[in-house]
Amino acid sequence: MATPSYHRWAPRLATLALWVLAGASAVYWGLQLSGRAAGPAPAAAAPEPVAADAQALARLLGAQAVSAPEAPAAASRFVLLGLLAGTASGDGAALIAVDGKPARPYPYRVGASVEPGLVLQSLSRREARLGASVDGATTLTLEMPRPKGD
């Protein structure tokens, strides 16, 4: 009995196809590996860090806007607790409490600095005048508290 000829050629063609695929695969991987051997790939530049806006983030998370505390007025920072005024000489001393703290154990004399930029200029019977310098304009006048009986 005669066998058809395609039975003889089928294993040969299948073997040829496998060798062609193996060769193509070898060529592909050879080109891939030789392309990397040319040198290291350049490193990608890192992106610039993004600066977060803290106020916008706080608003996003539901924080309420808080205003900055206001500085107390100069007149409310100082309290005249006592004074000793020389009526003829214009000299004297005053006990002054600053920022709600107790007064110093020794009084401020006329011409003394109560705080930077503020000098005790003069004293009268019930008030003390403060300013930038002894001879300058008065910027703040402190009065003695009135007695409760008056």
C-alpha atoms as a PDB file:
ATOM      1  CA  MET A   1       0.000   0.000   0.000  1.00  0.00           C
ATOM      2  CA  ALA A   2       1.251   3.349  -0.935  1.00  0.00           C
ATOM      3  CA  THR A   3       1.346   6.077   1.737  1.00  0.00           C
ATOM      4  CA  PRO A   4       0.507   9.579   0.756  1.00  0.00           C
ATOM      5  CA  SER A   5       3.531  11.891   0.419  1.00  0.00           C
ATOM      6  CA  TYR A   6       2.244  14.530   2.813  1.00  0.00           C
ATOM      7  CA  HIS A   7       2.783  12.092   5.702  1.00  0.00           C
ATOM      8  CA  ARG A   8       6.468  12.113   4.940  1.00  0.00           C
ATOM      9  CA  TRP A   9       6.819  15.886   4.677  1.00  0.00           C
ATOM     10  CA  ALA A  10       4.681  16.922   7.668  1.00  0.00           C
ATOM     11  CA  PRO A  11       7.282  16.148  10.378  1.00  0.00           C
ATOM     12  CA  ARG A  12       9.991  17.792   8.282  1.00  0.00           C
ATOM     13  CA  LEU A  13       7.946  21.000   7.825  1.00  0.00           C
ATOM     14  CA  ALA A  14       7.014  21.103  11.500  1.00  0.00           C
ATOM     15  CA  THR A  15      10.681  20.731  12.483  1.00  0.00           C
ATOM     16  CA  LEU A  16      11.666  23.496  10.035  1.00  0.00           C
ATOM     17  CA  ALA A  17       9.002  25.824  11.501  1.00  0.00           C
ATOM     18  CA  LEU A  18      10.250  25.194  15.056  1.00  0.00           C
ATOM     19  CA  TRP A  19      13.862  25.940  14.020  1.00  0.00           C
ATOM     20  CA  VAL A  20      12.773  29.177  12.314  1.00  0.00           C
ATOM     21  CA  LEU A  21      10.895  30.240  15.469  1.00  0.00           C
ATOM     22  CA  ALA A  22      13.896  29.383  17.653  1.00  0.00           C
ATOM     23  CA  GLY A  23      16.238  31.357  15.386  1.00  0.00           C
ATOM     24  CA  ALA A  24      13.888  34.378  15.308  1.00  0.00           C
ATOM     25  CA  SER A  25      13.662  34.261  19.086  1.00  0.00           C
ATOM     26  CA  ALA A  26      17.461  34.143  19.406  1.00  0.00           C
ATOM     27  CA  VAL A  27      17.859  37.120  17.052  1.00  0.00           C
ATOM     28  CA  TYR A  28      15.184  39.119  18.937  1.00  0.00           C
ATOM     29  CA  TRP A  29      16.749  38.533  22.362  1.00  0.00           C
ATOM     30  CA  GLY A  30      20.234  39.162  20.990  1.00  0.00           C
ATOM     31  CA  LEU A  31      19.143  42.573  19.710  1.00  0.00           C
ATOM     32  CA  GLN A  32      17.406  43.362  23.011  1.00  0.00           C
ATOM     33  CA  LEU A  33      20.442  42.520  25.100  1.00  0.00           C
ATOM     34  CA  SER A  34      22.928  44.266  22.810  1.00  0.00           C
ATOM     35  CA  GLY A  35      20.875  47.480  22.903  1.00  0.00           C
ATOM     36  CA  ARG A  36      21.248  47.667  26.708  1.00  0.00           C
ATOM     37  CA  ALA A  37      24.962  46.945  26.589  1.00  0.00           C
ATOM     38  CA  ALA A  38      25.617  50.342  24.956  1.00  0.00           C
ATOM     39  CA  GLY A  39      25.471  52.081  28.362  1.00  0.00           C
ATOM     40  CA  PRO A  40      23.295  52.667  31.334  1.00  0.00           C
ATOM     41  CA  ALA A  41      19.963  54.264  30.668  1.00  0.00           C
ATOM     42  CA  PRO A  42      19.833  57.915  31.700  1.00  0.00           C
ATOM     43  CA  ALA A  43      18.156  58.387  35.046  1.00  0.00           C
ATOM     44  CA  ALA A  44      14.840  60.166  34.912  1.00  0.00           C
ATOM     45  CA  ALA A  45      14.866  63.514  36.688  1.00  0.00           C
ATOM     46  CA  ALA A  46      12.867  63.536  39.896  1.00  0.00           C
ATOM     47  CA  PRO A  47       9.893  65.874  39.761  1.00  0.00           C
ATOM     48  CA  GLU A  48      10.017  69.020  41.869  1.00  0.00           C
ATOM     49  CA  PRO A  49       8.305  68.567  45.222  1.00  0.00           C
ATOM     50  CA  VAL A  50       4.968  70.282  45.473  1.00  0.00           C
ATOM     51  CA  ALA A  51       4.707  72.826  48.279  1.00  0.00           C
ATOM     52  CA  ALA A  52       1.506  72.298  50.220  1.00  0.00           C
ATOM     53  CA  ASP A  53      -0.580  75.332  51.128  1.00  0.00           C
ATOM     54  CA  ALA A  54      -1.301  74.811  54.832  1.00  0.00           C
ATOM     55  CA  GLN A  55      -4.217  77.256  54.929  1.00  0.00           C
ATOM     56  CA  ALA A  56      -5.902  75.699  51.907  1.00  0.00           C
ATOM     57  CA  LEU A  57      -5.414  72.242  53.386  1.00  0.00           C
ATOM     58  CA  ALA A  58      -6.918  73.359  56.699  1.00  0.00           C
ATOM     59  CA  ARG A  59      -9.952  74.833  54.914  1.00  0.00           C
ATOM     60  CA  LEU A  60     -10.317  71.603  52.931  1.00  0.00           C
ATOM     61  CA  LEU A  61     -10.362  69.595  56.149  1.00  0.00           C
ATOM     62  CA  GLY A  62     -12.990  71.890  57.666  1.00  0.00           C
ATOM     63  CA  ALA A  63     -10.950  74.152  59.929  1.00  0.00           C
ATOM     64  CA  GLN A  64     -12.485  77.490  60.842  1.00  0.00           C
ATOM     65  CA  ALA A  65     -10.584  80.668  60.051  1.00  0.00           C
ATOM     66  CA  VAL A  66      -8.996  82.024  63.202  1.00  0.00           C
ATOM     67  CA  SER A  67      -7.992  85.658  63.258  1.00  0.00           C
ATOM     68  CA  ALA A  68      -4.722  86.618  64.843  1.00  0.00           C
ATOM     69  CA  PRO A  69      -5.088  87.941  68.362  1.00  0.00           C
ATOM     70  CA  GLU A  70      -5.040  91.694  68.373  1.00  0.00           C
ATOM     71  CA  ALA A  71      -2.421  93.504  70.391  1.00  0.00           C
ATOM     72  CA  PRO A  72      -3.982  95.222  73.379  1.00  0.00           C
ATOM     73  CA  ALA A  73      -4.282  98.981  73.163  1.00  0.00           C
ATOM     74  CA  ALA A  74      -1.446 100.857  74.850  1.00  0.00           C
ATOM     75  CA  ALA A  75      -3.808 102.515  77.334  1.00  0.00           C
ATOM     76  CA  SER A  76      -5.132  99.137  78.534  1.00  0.00           C
ATOM     77  CA  ARG A  77      -1.619  97.754  79.057  1.00  0.00           C
ATOM     78  CA  PHE A  78      -0.659 100.267  81.737  1.00  0.00           C
ATOM     79  CA  VAL A  79      -2.361 100.966  85.074  1.00  0.00           C
ATOM     80  CA  LEU A  80      -1.311 103.827  87.333  1.00  0.00           C
ATOM     81  CA  LEU A  81      -1.428 102.418  90.881  1.00  0.00           C
ATOM     82  CA  GLY A  82       0.105 105.283  92.804  1.00  0.00           C
ATOM     83  CA  LEU A  83       2.163 108.419  92.432  1.00  0.00           C
ATOM     84  CA  LEU A  84       4.170 110.926  94.388  1.00  0.00           C
ATOM     85  CA  ALA A  85       4.320 114.203  92.504  1.00  0.00           C
ATOM     86  CA  GLY A  86       6.407 117.196  93.520  1.00  0.00           C
ATOM     87  CA  THR A  87       4.133 120.176  92.828  1.00  0.00           C
ATOM     88  CA  ALA A  88       6.912 122.774  92.707  1.00  0.00           C
ATOM     89  CA  SER A  89       9.758 120.721  91.231  1.00  0.00           C
ATOM     90  CA  GLY A  90       7.838 118.631  88.690  1.00  0.00           C
ATOM     91  CA  ASP A  91       9.769 115.589  89.908  1.00  0.00           C
ATOM     92  CA  GLY A  92       8.233 112.550  91.443  1.00  0.00           C
ATOM     93  CA  ALA A  93       7.707 108.839  90.992  1.00  0.00           C
ATOM     94  CA  ALA A  94       4.857 106.589  89.901  1.00  0.00           C
ATOM     95  CA  LEU A  95       3.893 102.969  90.493  1.00  0.00           C
ATOM     96  CA  ILE A  96       2.805 101.585  87.123  1.00  0.00           C
ATOM     97  CA  ALA A  97       1.613  98.020  86.446  1.00  0.00           C
ATOM     98  CA  VAL A  98       2.437  96.803  82.928  1.00  0.00           C
ATOM     99  CA  ASP A  99       0.436  94.082  81.089  1.00  0.00           C
ATOM    100  CA  GLY A 100      -1.558  93.084  84.179  1.00  0.00           C
ATOM    101  CA  LYS A 101       1.554  92.173  86.172  1.00  0.00           C
ATOM    102  CA  PRO A 102       2.153  93.634  89.624  1.00  0.00           C
ATOM    103  CA  ALA A 103       4.006  96.948  89.760  1.00  0.00           C
ATOM    104  CA  ARG A 104       7.761  96.924  90.224  1.00  0.00           C
ATOM    105  CA  PRO A 105       8.895  97.165  93.847  1.00  0.00           C
ATOM    106  CA  TYR A 106      10.529 100.535  93.133  1.00  0.00           C
ATOM    107  CA  PRO A 107       8.623 103.297  91.327  1.00  0.00           C
ATOM    108  CA  TYR A 108       9.413 104.858  87.961  1.00  0.00           C
ATOM    109  CA  ARG A 109      10.962 108.294  88.369  1.00  0.00           C
ATOM    110  CA  VAL A 110      10.299 111.134  85.923  1.00  0.00           C
ATOM    111  CA  GLY A 111      12.554 110.531  82.888  1.00  0.00           C
ATOM    112  CA  ALA A 112      12.758 106.748  83.456  1.00  0.00           C
ATOM    113  CA  SER A 113      11.928 104.300  80.661  1.00  0.00           C
ATOM    114  CA  VAL A 114       8.726 102.364  81.392  1.00  0.00           C
ATOM    115  CA  GLU A 115       9.348 100.122  78.397  1.00  0.00           C
ATOM    116  CA  PRO A 116      11.381 100.551  75.204  1.00  0.00           C
ATOM    117  CA  GLY A 117      10.215 103.694  73.424  1.00  0.00           C
ATOM    118  CA  LEU A 118       8.058 104.927  76.340  1.00  0.00           C
ATOM    119  CA  VAL A 119       9.350 107.329  79.007  1.00  0.00           C
ATOM    120  CA  LEU A 120       7.617 108.793  82.078  1.00  0.00           C
ATOM    121  CA  GLN A 121       7.510 112.477  81.064  1.00  0.00           C
ATOM    122  CA  SER A 122       5.777 114.223  83.924  1.00  0.00           C
ATOM    123  CA  LEU A 123       3.409 113.810  86.853  1.00  0.00           C
ATOM    124  CA  SER A 124       0.526 115.889  88.139  1.00  0.00           C
ATOM    125  CA  ARG A 125      -1.779 115.409  91.092  1.00  0.00           C
ATOM    126  CA  ARG A 126      -3.792 112.466  89.619  1.00  0.00           C
ATOM    127  CA  GLU A 127      -2.109 111.550  86.324  1.00  0.00           C
ATOM    128  CA  ALA A 128       1.126 110.459  84.682  1.00  0.00           C
ATOM    129  CA  ARG A 129       2.080 111.369  81.115  1.00  0.00           C
ATOM    130  CA  LEU A 130       4.141 108.992  78.951  1.00  0.00           C
ATOM    131  CA  GLY A 131       5.827 109.651  75.615  1.00  0.00           C
ATOM    132  CA  ALA A 132       8.729 108.728  73.356  1.00  0.00           C
ATOM    133  CA  SER A 133      11.092 111.165  75.103  1.00  0.00           C
ATOM    134  CA  VAL A 134      10.999 113.494  78.119  1.00  0.00           C
ATOM    135  CA  ASP A 135      10.713 116.614  75.950  1.00  0.00           C
ATOM    136  CA  GLY A 136       8.590 115.029  73.184  1.00  0.00           C
ATOM    137  CA  ALA A 137       4.840 114.913  72.692  1.00  0.00           C
ATOM    138  CA  THR A 138       2.704 113.006  75.185  1.00  0.00           C
ATOM    139  CA  THR A 139       1.398 109.787  73.635  1.00  0.00           C
ATOM    140  CA  LEU A 140      -0.359 108.296  76.674  1.00  0.00           C
ATOM    141  CA  THR A 141      -1.903 109.770  79.808  1.00  0.00           C
ATOM    142  CA  LEU A 142      -2.596 107.480  82.777  1.00  0.00           C
ATOM    143  CA  GLU A 143      -5.037 108.552  85.493  1.00  0.00           C
ATOM    144  CA  MET A 144      -5.302 107.319  89.051  1.00  0.00           C
ATOM    145  CA  PRO A 145      -8.438 105.274  89.678  1.00  0.00           C
ATOM    146  CA  ARG A 146     -11.184 107.286  91.391  1.00  0.00           C
ATOM    147  CA  PRO A 147     -11.902 106.374  95.002  1.00  0.00           C
ATOM    148  CA  LYS A 148     -15.137 104.417  95.402  1.00  0.00           C
ATOM    149  CA  GLY A 149     -16.638 107.083  97.665  1.00  0.00           C
ATOM    150  CA  ASP A 150     -16.418 109.830  94.968  1.00  0.00           C
END
